[in-house]
Amino acid sequence: MANHTSVASDEHFGGITRVSWGAIIAGTVVAMVVQIALALLGVGIGMGVMAPNADAMTGLGIGAGIWLIVSTLVSLYIGGFVAARLAGLPGKPDGLLNGVVVWALATLLSIYLATSAAGTAVSGISGILGQGMQMAGQSVAAVAPEAAEAVKGNPKQSKQAASEAVDAAKQQYNQVRKEATQALAGAKQEAAQTVRQAAPMASGAALAGFVALLLGAIAGALGGASGAPKTPVVSRSR
């Protein structure tokens, strides 16, 4: 009769999860910080080149665009690598997907920050315009009492002046209405022409944005695939 030996162990191994949000968030933070660092490096080099040479302004825009694309791809690659390595996923497909998620999260955060900055700038401009209108209203309010006193001083002349003012206001209103109608018609024609001219540029910008996003996704995916460990990393507890 064969003897059977039972072996008991107090070691417990945890299962492998295919998504590690902690690693993804860490990779996204690293990607954005690397992007900021590379942007500052580009500004420092660009300003250093531009300062002694005034003609460098012609190629500064192209160079800045190229540097922005390169720095974004590098930062996303590093972020995907960090996310996959910290997640400890043994397969390259899982690391690749974690890198893609890093790219998506970093893109959404960048869009949010950009729109927030634009909203803040618009709010500041609106506040300045509001202050200007308030100052104009205060000026009118300060002049109104003086005009009222002048009317009380000479009623006959004030009546004649009021009648002339009404006629002048009617003429001015008709003139302004005519000019506004002409301006509106001209604005419609200019708007239609602007739309026709801007359509190819908008199409090109949309295609360029699509290509940039696609390259970013590829960079994050390659970083995630490269950062995936060759052996699984499991948690062990006693």
C-alpha atoms as a PDB file:
ATOM      1  CA  MET A   1       0.000   0.000   0.000  1.00  0.00           C
ATOM      2  CA  ALA A   2       1.492   3.315  -1.063  1.00  0.00           C
ATOM      3  CA  ASN A   3       2.130   5.946   1.500  1.00  0.00           C
ATOM      4  CA  HIS A   4       0.795   9.475   0.824  1.00  0.00           C
ATOM      5  CA  THR A   5       2.439  12.450   2.425  1.00  0.00           C
ATOM      6  CA  SER A   6       0.565  15.695   2.881  1.00  0.00           C
ATOM      7  CA  VAL A   7       2.642  18.834   2.844  1.00  0.00           C
ATOM      8  CA  ALA A   8       1.179  22.019   4.309  1.00  0.00           C
ATOM      9  CA  SER A   9       2.660  25.405   3.781  1.00  0.00           C
ATOM     10  CA  ASP A  10       1.813  28.764   5.291  1.00  0.00           C
ATOM     11  CA  GLU A  11       2.887  30.709   2.192  1.00  0.00           C
ATOM     12  CA  HIS A  12       0.100  32.308   0.135  1.00  0.00           C
ATOM     13  CA  PHE A  13       0.649  33.750  -3.301  1.00  0.00           C
ATOM     14  CA  GLY A  14      -1.603  36.474  -4.601  1.00  0.00           C
ATOM     15  CA  GLY A  15      -3.072  36.447  -8.075  1.00  0.00           C
ATOM     16  CA  ILE A  16      -1.854  38.685 -10.866  1.00  0.00           C
ATOM     17  CA  THR A  17      -4.147  41.553 -11.846  1.00  0.00           C
ATOM     18  CA  ARG A  18      -3.915  42.691 -15.446  1.00  0.00           C
ATOM     19  CA  VAL A  19      -4.522  46.362 -14.618  1.00  0.00           C
ATOM     20  CA  SER A  20      -2.593  48.270 -11.968  1.00  0.00           C
ATOM     21  CA  TRP A  21      -4.049  51.759 -11.628  1.00  0.00           C
ATOM     22  CA  GLY A  22      -1.395  52.729  -9.130  1.00  0.00           C
ATOM     23  CA  ALA A  23       1.312  51.942 -11.689  1.00  0.00           C
ATOM     24  CA  ILE A  24      -0.654  53.704 -14.445  1.00  0.00           C
ATOM     25  CA  ILE A  25      -1.060  56.884 -12.370  1.00  0.00           C
ATOM     26  CA  ALA A  26       2.618  56.782 -11.448  1.00  0.00           C
ATOM     27  CA  GLY A  27       3.595  56.398 -15.102  1.00  0.00           C
ATOM     28  CA  THR A  28       1.308  59.292 -16.080  1.00  0.00           C
ATOM     29  CA  VAL A  29       2.846  61.553 -13.437  1.00  0.00           C
ATOM     30  CA  VAL A  30       6.350  60.621 -14.596  1.00  0.00           C
ATOM     31  CA  ALA A  31       5.388  61.259 -18.241  1.00  0.00           C
ATOM     32  CA  MET A  32       4.000  64.729 -17.507  1.00  0.00           C
ATOM     33  CA  VAL A  33       6.963  65.734 -15.344  1.00  0.00           C
ATOM     34  CA  VAL A  34       9.392  64.547 -18.028  1.00  0.00           C
ATOM     35  CA  GLN A  35       7.388  66.536 -20.583  1.00  0.00           C
ATOM     36  CA  ILE A  36       7.685  69.685 -18.440  1.00  0.00           C
ATOM     37  CA  ALA A  37      11.405  69.131 -17.934  1.00  0.00           C
ATOM     38  CA  LEU A  38      12.029  68.661 -21.663  1.00  0.00           C
ATOM     39  CA  ALA A  39       9.894  71.725 -22.449  1.00  0.00           C
ATOM     40  CA  LEU A  40      11.998  73.840 -20.077  1.00  0.00           C
ATOM     41  CA  LEU A  41      15.141  72.444 -21.664  1.00  0.00           C
ATOM     42  CA  GLY A  42      13.844  73.370 -25.102  1.00  0.00           C
ATOM     43  CA  VAL A  43      12.970  76.905 -23.979  1.00  0.00           C
ATOM     44  CA  GLY A  44      16.419  77.343 -22.445  1.00  0.00           C
ATOM     45  CA  ILE A  45      18.214  76.154 -25.574  1.00  0.00           C
ATOM     46  CA  GLY A  46      15.932  78.129 -27.896  1.00  0.00           C
ATOM     47  CA  MET A  47      16.333  81.376 -25.989  1.00  0.00           C
ATOM     48  CA  GLY A  48      20.079  80.855 -25.795  1.00  0.00           C
ATOM     49  CA  VAL A  49      20.301  80.432 -29.564  1.00  0.00           C
ATOM     50  CA  MET A  50      17.915  83.297 -30.300  1.00  0.00           C
ATOM     51  CA  ALA A  51      19.575  85.877 -28.017  1.00  0.00           C
ATOM     52  CA  PRO A  52      22.800  86.460 -30.000  1.00  0.00           C
ATOM     53  CA  ASN A  53      21.230  85.889 -33.401  1.00  0.00           C
ATOM     54  CA  ALA A  54      18.124  87.849 -34.397  1.00  0.00           C
ATOM     55  CA  ASP A  55      17.698  85.807 -37.606  1.00  0.00           C
ATOM     56  CA  ALA A  56      17.051  82.669 -35.548  1.00  0.00           C
ATOM     57  CA  MET A  57      13.422  83.758 -35.093  1.00  0.00           C
ATOM     58  CA  THR A  58      12.593  82.483 -38.582  1.00  0.00           C
ATOM     59  CA  GLY A  59      13.299  78.866 -37.685  1.00  0.00           C
ATOM     60  CA  LEU A  60      12.255  79.073 -34.054  1.00  0.00           C
ATOM     61  CA  GLY A  61       8.635  78.099 -34.703  1.00  0.00           C
ATOM     62  CA  ILE A  62       9.536  74.998 -36.721  1.00  0.00           C
ATOM     63  CA  GLY A  63      12.176  73.976 -34.202  1.00  0.00           C
ATOM     64  CA  ALA A  64       9.734  74.437 -31.309  1.00  0.00           C
ATOM     65  CA  GLY A  65       7.135  72.281 -33.049  1.00  0.00           C
ATOM     66  CA  ILE A  66       9.634  69.491 -33.723  1.00  0.00           C
ATOM     67  CA  TRP A  67      10.935  69.647 -30.156  1.00  0.00           C
ATOM     68  CA  LEU A  68       7.368  69.495 -28.795  1.00  0.00           C
ATOM     69  CA  ILE A  69       6.638  66.337 -30.785  1.00  0.00           C
ATOM     70  CA  VAL A  70       9.924  64.661 -29.834  1.00  0.00           C
ATOM     71  CA  SER A  71       9.639  65.550 -26.144  1.00  0.00           C
ATOM     72  CA  THR A  72       6.050  64.309 -26.029  1.00  0.00           C
ATOM     73  CA  LEU A  73       6.970  60.961 -27.581  1.00  0.00           C
ATOM     74  CA  VAL A  74       9.942  60.538 -25.244  1.00  0.00           C
ATOM     75  CA  SER A  75       7.895  61.386 -22.158  1.00  0.00           C
ATOM     76  CA  LEU A  76       5.096  58.986 -23.132  1.00  0.00           C
ATOM     77  CA  TYR A  77       7.609  56.205 -23.791  1.00  0.00           C
ATOM     78  CA  ILE A  78       9.150  56.708 -20.357  1.00  0.00           C
ATOM     79  CA  GLY A  79       5.727  56.901 -18.712  1.00  0.00           C
ATOM     80  CA  GLY A  80       4.606  53.663 -20.361  1.00  0.00           C
ATOM     81  CA  PHE A  81       7.861  51.957 -19.377  1.00  0.00           C
ATOM     82  CA  VAL A  82       7.476  53.014 -15.734  1.00  0.00           C
ATOM     83  CA  ALA A  83       3.818  51.931 -15.622  1.00  0.00           C
ATOM     84  CA  ALA A  84       4.556  48.466 -17.032  1.00  0.00           C
ATOM     85  CA  ARG A  85       7.577  47.921 -14.810  1.00  0.00           C
ATOM     86  CA  LEU A  86       5.745  48.958 -11.634  1.00  0.00           C
ATOM     87  CA  ALA A  87       2.706  46.851 -12.550  1.00  0.00           C
ATOM     88  CA  GLY A  88       4.912  43.732 -12.693  1.00  0.00           C
ATOM     89  CA  LEU A  89       2.939  42.160 -15.529  1.00  0.00           C
ATOM     90  CA  PRO A  90       4.899  39.346 -17.195  1.00  0.00           C
ATOM     91  CA  GLY A  91       3.413  39.630 -20.668  1.00  0.00           C
ATOM     92  CA  LYS A  92       4.255  42.304 -23.212  1.00  0.00           C
ATOM     93  CA  PRO A  93       0.618  42.660 -24.349  1.00  0.00           C
ATOM     94  CA  ASP A  94      -0.418  43.626 -20.820  1.00  0.00           C
ATOM     95  CA  GLY A  95       2.470  46.071 -20.515  1.00  0.00           C
ATOM     96  CA  LEU A  96       1.561  47.510 -23.911  1.00  0.00           C
ATOM     97  CA  LEU A  97      -2.030  48.110 -22.808  1.00  0.00           C
ATOM     98  CA  ASN A  98      -0.855  49.789 -19.618  1.00  0.00           C
ATOM     99  CA  GLY A  99       1.298  52.102 -21.741  1.00  0.00           C
ATOM    100  CA  VAL A 100      -1.707  52.958 -23.916  1.00  0.00           C
ATOM    101  CA  VAL A 101      -3.744  53.808 -20.817  1.00  0.00           C
ATOM    102  CA  VAL A 102      -0.921  56.091 -19.649  1.00  0.00           C
ATOM    103  CA  TRP A 103      -1.063  57.860 -23.021  1.00  0.00           C
ATOM    104  CA  ALA A 104      -4.848  58.281 -22.792  1.00  0.00           C
ATOM    105  CA  LEU A 105      -4.761  59.620 -19.237  1.00  0.00           C
ATOM    106  CA  ALA A 106      -1.903  62.018 -19.983  1.00  0.00           C
ATOM    107  CA  THR A 107      -3.733  63.310 -23.077  1.00  0.00           C
ATOM    108  CA  LEU A 108      -6.930  63.970 -21.120  1.00  0.00           C
ATOM    109  CA  LEU A 109      -5.016  65.785 -18.373  1.00  0.00           C
ATOM    110  CA  SER A 110      -3.188  67.920 -20.934  1.00  0.00           C
ATOM    111  CA  ILE A 111      -6.470  68.892 -22.634  1.00  0.00           C
ATOM    112  CA  TYR A 112      -8.015  69.732 -19.259  1.00  0.00           C
ATOM    113  CA  LEU A 113      -5.081  71.933 -18.255  1.00  0.00           C
ATOM    114  CA  ALA A 114      -5.084  73.697 -21.634  1.00  0.00           C
ATOM    115  CA  THR A 115      -8.819  74.426 -21.528  1.00  0.00           C
ATOM    116  CA  SER A 116      -8.574  75.609 -17.916  1.00  0.00           C
ATOM    117  CA  ALA A 117      -5.795  78.043 -18.841  1.00  0.00           C
ATOM    118  CA  ALA A 118      -7.832  79.353 -21.787  1.00  0.00           C
ATOM    119  CA  GLY A 119     -10.889  79.807 -19.569  1.00  0.00           C
ATOM    120  CA  THR A 120      -8.843  81.738 -17.029  1.00  0.00           C
ATOM    121  CA  ALA A 121      -7.510  84.052 -19.752  1.00  0.00           C
ATOM    122  CA  VAL A 122     -11.021  84.700 -21.112  1.00  0.00           C
ATOM    123  CA  SER A 123     -12.294  85.440 -17.590  1.00  0.00           C
ATOM    124  CA  GLY A 124      -9.487  87.948 -17.084  1.00  0.00           C
ATOM    125  CA  ILE A 125     -10.310  89.758 -20.327  1.00  0.00           C
ATOM    126  CA  SER A 126     -14.013  89.823 -19.430  1.00  0.00           C
ATOM    127  CA  GLY A 127     -13.162  91.321 -16.052  1.00  0.00           C
ATOM    128  CA  ILE A 128     -11.104  94.083 -17.659  1.00  0.00           C
ATOM    129  CA  LEU A 129     -13.930  94.925 -20.085  1.00  0.00           C
ATOM    130  CA  GLY A 130     -16.433  94.953 -17.243  1.00  0.00           C
ATOM    131  CA  GLN A 131     -14.308  97.406 -15.295  1.00  0.00           C
ATOM    132  CA  GLY A 132     -14.092  99.656 -18.346  1.00  0.00           C
ATOM    133  CA  MET A 133     -17.878  99.665 -18.794  1.00  0.00           C
ATOM    134  CA  GLN A 134     -18.336 100.428 -15.109  1.00  0.00           C
ATOM    135  CA  MET A 135     -15.981 103.403 -15.325  1.00  0.00           C
ATOM    136  CA  ALA A 136     -17.854 104.690 -18.391  1.00  0.00           C
ATOM    137  CA  GLY A 137     -21.155 104.410 -16.521  1.00  0.00           C
ATOM    138  CA  GLN A 138     -19.742 106.332 -13.597  1.00  0.00           C
ATOM    139  CA  SER A 139     -18.602 109.092 -15.945  1.00  0.00           C
ATOM    140  CA  VAL A 140     -22.085 109.380 -17.472  1.00  0.00           C
ATOM    141  CA  ALA A 141     -23.662 109.459 -14.024  1.00  0.00           C
ATOM    142  CA  ALA A 142     -21.317 112.271 -13.011  1.00  0.00           C
ATOM    143  CA  VAL A 143     -22.223 114.386 -16.078  1.00  0.00           C
ATOM    144  CA  ALA A 144     -26.011 113.783 -15.873  1.00  0.00           C
ATOM    145  CA  PRO A 145     -26.686 116.115 -12.888  1.00  0.00           C
ATOM    146  CA  GLU A 146     -24.911 119.002 -14.629  1.00  0.00           C
ATOM    147  CA  ALA A 147     -27.039 118.501 -17.746  1.00  0.00           C
ATOM    148  CA  ALA A 148     -30.202 118.511 -15.633  1.00  0.00           C
ATOM    149  CA  GLU A 149     -29.235 121.797 -14.003  1.00  0.00           C
ATOM    150  CA  ALA A 150     -28.658 123.374 -17.430  1.00  0.00           C
ATOM    151  CA  VAL A 151     -32.164 122.345 -18.553  1.00  0.00           C
ATOM    152  CA  LYS A 152     -33.778 123.880 -15.456  1.00  0.00           C
ATOM    153  CA  GLY A 153     -31.970 127.203 -16.019  1.00  0.00           C
ATOM    154  CA  ASN A 154     -33.569 128.008 -19.431  1.00  0.00           C
ATOM    155  CA  PRO A 155     -36.747 125.994 -20.278  1.00  0.00           C
ATOM    156  CA  LYS A 156     -37.394 127.541 -23.773  1.00  0.00           C
ATOM    157  CA  GLN A 157     -33.934 126.951 -25.071  1.00  0.00           C
ATOM    158  CA  SER A 158     -33.917 123.524 -23.489  1.00  0.00           C
ATOM    159  CA  LYS A 159     -37.185 122.615 -25.301  1.00  0.00           C
ATOM    160  CA  GLN A 160     -35.795 123.704 -28.644  1.00  0.00           C
ATOM    161  CA  ALA A 161     -32.529 121.967 -27.935  1.00  0.00           C
ATOM    162  CA  ALA A 162     -34.422 118.810 -26.960  1.00  0.00           C
ATOM    163  CA  SER A 163     -36.388 118.888 -30.228  1.00  0.00           C
ATOM    164  CA  GLU A 164     -33.201 119.349 -32.237  1.00  0.00           C
ATOM    165  CA  ALA A 165     -31.577 116.577 -30.245  1.00  0.00           C
ATOM    166  CA  VAL A 166     -34.506 114.241 -31.031  1.00  0.00           C
ATOM    167  CA  ASP A 167     -34.262 115.006 -34.770  1.00  0.00           C
ATOM    168  CA  ALA A 168     -30.523 114.511 -34.693  1.00  0.00           C
ATOM    169  CA  ALA A 169     -30.966 111.252 -32.796  1.00  0.00           C
ATOM    170  CA  LYS A 170     -33.480 110.005 -35.406  1.00  0.00           C
ATOM    171  CA  GLN A 171     -31.113 110.841 -38.238  1.00  0.00           C
ATOM    172  CA  GLN A 172     -28.242 109.267 -36.422  1.00  0.00           C
ATOM    173  CA  TYR A 173     -30.325 106.165 -35.698  1.00  0.00           C
ATOM    174  CA  ASN A 174     -31.291 105.772 -39.347  1.00  0.00           C
ATOM    175  CA  GLN A 175     -27.678 106.285 -40.398  1.00  0.00           C
ATOM    176  CA  VAL A 176     -26.413 103.776 -37.860  1.00  0.00           C
ATOM    177  CA  ARG A 177     -29.087 101.279 -38.891  1.00  0.00           C
ATOM    178  CA  LYS A 178     -28.126 101.635 -42.530  1.00  0.00           C
ATOM    179  CA  GLU A 179     -24.449 101.247 -41.770  1.00  0.00           C
ATOM    180  CA  ALA A 180     -25.170  98.267 -39.495  1.00  0.00           C
ATOM    181  CA  THR A 181     -27.152  96.549 -42.266  1.00  0.00           C
ATOM    182  CA  GLN A 182     -24.328  97.118 -44.729  1.00  0.00           C
ATOM    183  CA  ALA A 183     -21.758  95.963 -42.198  1.00  0.00           C
ATOM    184  CA  LEU A 184     -23.784  92.823 -41.454  1.00  0.00           C
ATOM    185  CA  ALA A 185     -23.995  91.949 -45.125  1.00  0.00           C
ATOM    186  CA  GLY A 186     -20.278  92.524 -45.545  1.00  0.00           C
ATOM    187  CA  ALA A 187     -19.549  90.471 -42.415  1.00  0.00           C
ATOM    188  CA  LYS A 188     -21.571  87.559 -43.787  1.00  0.00           C
ATOM    189  CA  GLN A 189     -19.616  87.627 -47.025  1.00  0.00           C
ATOM    190  CA  GLU A 190     -16.294  87.865 -45.170  1.00  0.00           C
ATOM    191  CA  ALA A 191     -17.317  85.052 -42.818  1.00  0.00           C
ATOM    192  CA  ALA A 192     -18.229  82.807 -45.727  1.00  0.00           C
ATOM    193  CA  GLN A 193     -14.939  83.594 -47.438  1.00  0.00           C
ATOM    194  CA  THR A 194     -13.015  82.994 -44.211  1.00  0.00           C
ATOM    195  CA  VAL A 195     -14.712  79.628 -43.751  1.00  0.00           C
ATOM    196  CA  ARG A 196     -13.792  78.609 -47.287  1.00  0.00           C
ATOM    197  CA  GLN A 197     -10.189  79.653 -46.729  1.00  0.00           C
ATOM    198  CA  ALA A 198      -9.940  78.143 -43.241  1.00  0.00           C
ATOM    199  CA  ALA A 199     -11.458  74.782 -44.158  1.00  0.00           C
ATOM    200  CA  PRO A 200      -8.232  73.347 -45.675  1.00  0.00           C
ATOM    201  CA  MET A 201      -6.207  74.651 -42.716  1.00  0.00           C
ATOM    202  CA  ALA A 202      -8.665  73.150 -40.221  1.00  0.00           C
ATOM    203  CA  SER A 203      -8.585  69.862 -42.098  1.00  0.00           C
ATOM    204  CA  GLY A 204      -4.793  69.834 -42.056  1.00  0.00           C
ATOM    205  CA  ALA A 205      -4.700  70.703 -38.361  1.00  0.00           C
ATOM    206  CA  ALA A 206      -7.172  67.913 -37.555  1.00  0.00           C
ATOM    207  CA  LEU A 207      -5.126  65.375 -39.512  1.00  0.00           C
ATOM    208  CA  ALA A 208      -1.923  66.579 -37.845  1.00  0.00           C
ATOM    209  CA  GLY A 209      -3.565  66.232 -34.433  1.00  0.00           C
ATOM    210  CA  PHE A 210      -4.696  62.710 -35.291  1.00  0.00           C
ATOM    211  CA  VAL A 211      -1.184  61.729 -36.388  1.00  0.00           C
ATOM    212  CA  ALA A 212       0.294  63.265 -33.224  1.00  0.00           C
ATOM    213  CA  LEU A 213      -2.128  61.330 -31.018  1.00  0.00           C
ATOM    214  CA  LEU A 214      -1.428  58.131 -32.936  1.00  0.00           C
ATOM    215  CA  LEU A 215       2.330  58.578 -32.514  1.00  0.00           C
ATOM    216  CA  GLY A 216       1.826  59.247 -28.815  1.00  0.00           C
ATOM    217  CA  ALA A 217      -0.196  56.057 -28.425  1.00  0.00           C
ATOM    218  CA  ILE A 218       2.522  54.094 -30.240  1.00  0.00           C
ATOM    219  CA  ALA A 219       5.235  55.618 -28.024  1.00  0.00           C
ATOM    220  CA  GLY A 220       3.316  54.759 -24.837  1.00  0.00           C
ATOM    221  CA  ALA A 221       2.616  51.247 -26.089  1.00  0.00           C
ATOM    222  CA  LEU A 222       6.269  50.635 -26.993  1.00  0.00           C
ATOM    223  CA  GLY A 223       7.360  51.918 -23.605  1.00  0.00           C
ATOM    224  CA  GLY A 224       4.877  49.630 -21.873  1.00  0.00           C
ATOM    225  CA  ALA A 225       5.995  46.626 -23.915  1.00  0.00           C
ATOM    226  CA  SER A 226       9.656  47.368 -23.153  1.00  0.00           C
ATOM    227  CA  GLY A 227       9.018  47.868 -19.443  1.00  0.00           C
ATOM    228  CA  ALA A 228       7.123  44.604 -18.909  1.00  0.00           C
ATOM    229  CA  PRO A 229       9.249  42.249 -16.772  1.00  0.00           C
ATOM    230  CA  LYS A 230      10.185  38.849 -18.186  1.00  0.00           C
ATOM    231  CA  THR A 231       9.065  36.970 -15.077  1.00  0.00           C
ATOM    232  CA  PRO A 232       5.832  37.498 -13.138  1.00  0.00           C
ATOM    233  CA  VAL A 233       5.965  39.472  -9.940  1.00  0.00           C
ATOM    234  CA  VAL A 234       3.617  38.081  -7.289  1.00  0.00           C
ATOM    235  CA  SER A 235       3.038  39.039  -3.725  1.00  0.00           C
ATOM    236  CA  ARG A 236       3.947  36.483  -1.049  1.00  0.00           C
ATOM    237  CA  SER A 237       2.769  36.591   2.526  1.00  0.00           C
ATOM    238  CA  ARG A 238       3.216  34.297   5.513  1.00  0.00           C
END
